[in-house]
């Protein structure tokens, strides 16, 4: 049998199977691409199902039609479940996971209100991504420094998944008169 005959035979068998009432949904593909992203990025869910009367994806995606490419932007690692139902109630499902990594901070801003010597102040350190947006998923250690040798600074603190690090700073005492 030649390749062309084999291809025609497979295609005919698939057609006969579909027409014969094979109503079990068949999930050919359900995957995330890419399956690992940085927070704030997008991934696509690739869906390819046959014999599915109703095809849904959880996590707020909803009903989809096959074949489909669905863009998602999860904030945290998320597993999506695809459920395919046939017209006579048969159900199959599959999962795809998108792993979300913390954004690497490209820069930081520090906001310190005006202070009087000897009075504690609260400074706000904000991690920014490469586009200048506040990084809601920054993970790292913040160490504040000062060119004032008498400044009392907090010890370095490890931070994960926080928008802002707000340490209290104790300025040096007022100079004696």
Protein backbone atom coordinates (compact mmCIF):
# COMPACT_ATOMS: atom_id res chain seq x y z
CA UNK A 1 0.00 0.00 0.00
CA UNK A 2 1.43 3.43 -0.90
CA UNK A 3 1.58 6.36 1.51
CA UNK A 4 -1.31 8.03 -0.25
CA UNK A 5 -3.47 4.91 0.08
CA UNK A 6 -2.50 4.59 3.75
CA UNK A 7 -3.38 8.24 4.37
CA UNK A 8 -6.75 7.80 2.65
CA UNK A 9 -7.44 4.64 4.66
CA UNK A 10 -6.66 6.40 7.96
CA UNK A 11 -8.79 9.40 6.98
CA UNK A 12 -11.66 7.12 5.96
CA UNK A 13 -11.39 5.15 9.21
CA UNK A 14 -11.52 8.40 11.20
CA UNK A 15 -14.57 9.53 9.24
CA UNK A 16 -16.35 6.19 9.72
CA UNK A 17 -15.53 6.27 13.44
CA UNK A 18 -16.92 9.80 13.77
CA UNK A 19 -20.07 8.88 11.83
CA UNK A 20 -20.56 5.64 13.72
CA UNK A 21 -21.36 7.55 16.89
CA UNK A 22 -18.03 7.39 18.70
CA UNK A 23 -19.07 10.01 21.21
CA UNK A 24 -16.20 9.88 23.67
CA UNK A 25 -14.39 13.22 23.48
CA UNK A 26 -10.75 12.89 22.52
CA UNK A 27 -8.27 15.48 23.81
CA UNK A 28 -5.46 15.61 21.25
CA UNK A 29 -3.79 18.59 22.90
CA UNK A 30 -4.15 20.75 25.98
CA UNK A 31 -0.95 22.49 26.91
CA UNK A 32 0.43 25.84 28.06
CA UNK A 33 3.01 27.56 25.87
CA UNK A 34 5.19 28.72 27.44
CA UNK A 35 4.54 26.78 30.61
CA UNK A 36 6.78 29.06 32.73
CA UNK A 37 6.45 32.85 32.71
CA UNK A 38 7.45 35.86 34.80
CA UNK A 39 4.62 37.55 36.69
CA UNK A 40 2.80 39.98 34.40
CA UNK A 41 3.56 37.98 31.25
CA UNK A 42 1.13 35.88 29.24
CA UNK A 43 0.94 32.25 28.19
CA UNK A 44 -1.35 30.54 25.70
CA UNK A 45 -3.43 27.44 26.27
CA UNK A 46 -3.55 25.27 23.16
CA UNK A 47 -6.80 23.28 22.89
CA UNK A 48 -7.54 20.53 20.35
CA UNK A 49 -10.49 18.25 21.12
CA UNK A 50 -12.68 16.09 18.88
CA UNK A 51 -16.16 14.77 19.67
CA UNK A 52 -16.60 17.45 22.33
CA UNK A 53 -20.09 18.91 22.47
CA UNK A 54 -19.12 21.34 25.25
CA UNK A 55 -15.50 22.20 26.06
CA UNK A 56 -14.67 24.34 29.08
CA UNK A 57 -11.53 25.50 30.87
CA UNK A 58 -11.70 26.49 34.54
CA UNK A 59 -9.91 29.40 36.30
CA UNK A 60 -12.24 31.92 34.68
CA UNK A 61 -11.51 30.98 31.05
CA UNK A 62 -14.95 29.47 30.33
CA UNK A 63 -16.26 27.72 27.23
CA UNK A 64 -13.93 27.32 24.25
CA UNK A 65 -14.29 25.90 20.78
CA UNK A 66 -11.77 23.50 19.33
CA UNK A 67 -9.23 24.05 18.01
CA UNK A 68 -8.42 27.13 20.08
CA UNK A 69 -5.58 29.21 21.43
CA UNK A 70 -6.50 31.07 24.62
CA UNK A 71 -4.27 33.76 26.15
CA UNK A 72 -4.00 33.72 29.95
CA UNK A 73 -2.13 35.95 32.40
CA UNK A 74 -2.08 34.26 35.79
CA UNK A 75 -0.64 36.17 38.76
CA UNK A 76 0.52 33.00 40.51
CA UNK A 77 1.27 29.43 39.40
CA UNK A 78 -2.05 28.12 38.10
CA UNK A 79 -3.29 24.72 36.94
CA UNK A 80 -6.02 24.88 34.31
CA UNK A 81 -8.43 21.98 33.83
CA UNK A 82 -10.04 21.39 30.45
CA UNK A 83 -13.29 19.41 30.54
CA UNK A 84 -14.84 18.02 27.36
CA UNK A 85 -18.37 16.59 27.35
CA UNK A 86 -19.99 14.63 24.53
CA UNK A 87 -23.63 15.04 23.49
CA UNK A 88 -24.51 11.86 25.42
CA UNK A 89 -22.77 12.91 28.66
CA UNK A 90 -19.35 11.27 28.41
CA UNK A 91 -16.67 13.41 30.05
CA UNK A 92 -12.88 13.57 29.77
CA UNK A 93 -10.48 16.11 31.21
CA UNK A 94 -6.85 17.20 31.10
CA UNK A 95 -4.72 19.73 32.94
CA UNK A 96 -2.05 22.26 31.99
CA UNK A 97 -0.02 24.26 34.48
CA UNK A 98 1.49 27.72 34.02
CA UNK A 99 4.31 28.32 36.52
CA UNK A 100 4.70 32.00 37.44
CA UNK A 101 8.12 33.22 38.55
CA UNK A 102 8.75 36.47 40.45
CA UNK A 103 9.68 39.46 38.34
CA UNK A 104 13.27 40.56 38.60
CA UNK A 105 13.49 44.12 39.81
CA UNK A 106 15.16 46.42 37.31
CA UNK A 107 15.31 49.33 39.71
CA UNK A 108 14.06 50.64 43.04
CA UNK A 109 12.64 53.91 44.26
CA UNK A 110 12.96 55.09 47.83
CA UNK A 111 10.57 57.62 49.30
CA UNK A 112 11.60 59.24 52.59
CA UNK A 113 9.53 62.04 54.10
CA UNK A 114 11.21 65.11 55.52
CA UNK A 115 12.63 64.27 58.92
CA UNK A 116 13.76 66.10 62.00
CA UNK A 117 16.96 64.87 63.59
CA UNK A 118 16.20 62.36 66.34
CA UNK A 119 12.73 61.50 64.99
CA UNK A 120 11.92 58.11 63.44
CA UNK A 121 10.63 58.12 59.88
CA UNK A 122 9.17 55.50 57.61
CA UNK A 123 10.76 55.07 54.20
CA UNK A 124 9.11 53.21 51.35
CA UNK A 125 11.25 51.09 49.02
CA UNK A 126 9.44 50.10 45.82
CA UNK A 127 10.75 47.47 43.38
CA UNK A 128 10.14 48.34 39.72
CA UNK A 129 10.20 46.04 36.70
CA UNK A 130 11.92 46.87 33.42
CA UNK A 131 8.88 48.89 32.26
CA UNK A 132 8.79 50.99 35.44
CA UNK A 133 5.74 49.22 36.87
CA UNK A 134 5.59 48.34 40.55
CA UNK A 135 6.68 44.71 40.92
CA UNK A 136 4.05 42.89 42.94
CA UNK A 137 6.13 39.73 43.03
CA UNK A 138 9.64 40.94 43.85
CA UNK A 139 11.69 38.48 45.88
CA UNK A 140 15.02 39.46 47.35
CA UNK A 141 16.84 41.16 50.20
CA UNK A 142 16.71 44.90 50.78
CA UNK A 143 19.61 46.62 52.52
CA UNK A 144 19.34 50.31 53.15
CA UNK A 145 22.47 52.44 53.42
CA UNK A 146 23.14 56.05 54.31
CA UNK A 147 26.01 58.44 53.88
CA UNK A 148 25.29 59.66 57.42
CA UNK A 149 27.56 57.67 59.74
CA UNK A 150 25.21 58.26 62.69
CA UNK A 151 22.03 57.03 60.98
CA UNK A 152 20.45 53.97 62.59
CA UNK A 153 19.21 51.73 59.78
CA UNK A 154 17.19 48.50 59.91
CA UNK A 155 18.99 45.21 59.30
CA UNK A 156 18.69 43.75 55.78
CA UNK A 157 15.37 41.96 55.34
CA UNK A 158 14.42 39.26 52.89
CA UNK A 159 11.16 40.05 51.12
CA UNK A 160 8.98 37.88 48.91
CA UNK A 161 5.83 38.82 47.00
CA UNK A 162 5.45 42.26 48.48
CA UNK A 163 4.71 45.50 46.73
CA UNK A 164 6.66 47.66 49.14
CA UNK A 165 9.20 47.26 51.90
CA UNK A 166 8.45 49.86 54.54
CA UNK A 167 11.19 49.92 57.18
CA UNK A 168 11.31 52.38 60.03
CA UNK A 169 14.44 54.48 60.02
CA UNK A 170 15.78 56.05 63.16
CA UNK A 171 17.75 59.17 62.24
CA UNK A 172 20.71 60.20 64.40
CA UNK A 173 20.00 62.26 67.50
CA UNK A 174 19.93 66.02 67.16
CA UNK A 175 23.34 67.58 67.62
CA UNK A 176 24.04 68.82 71.15
CA UNK A 177 24.11 72.57 71.52
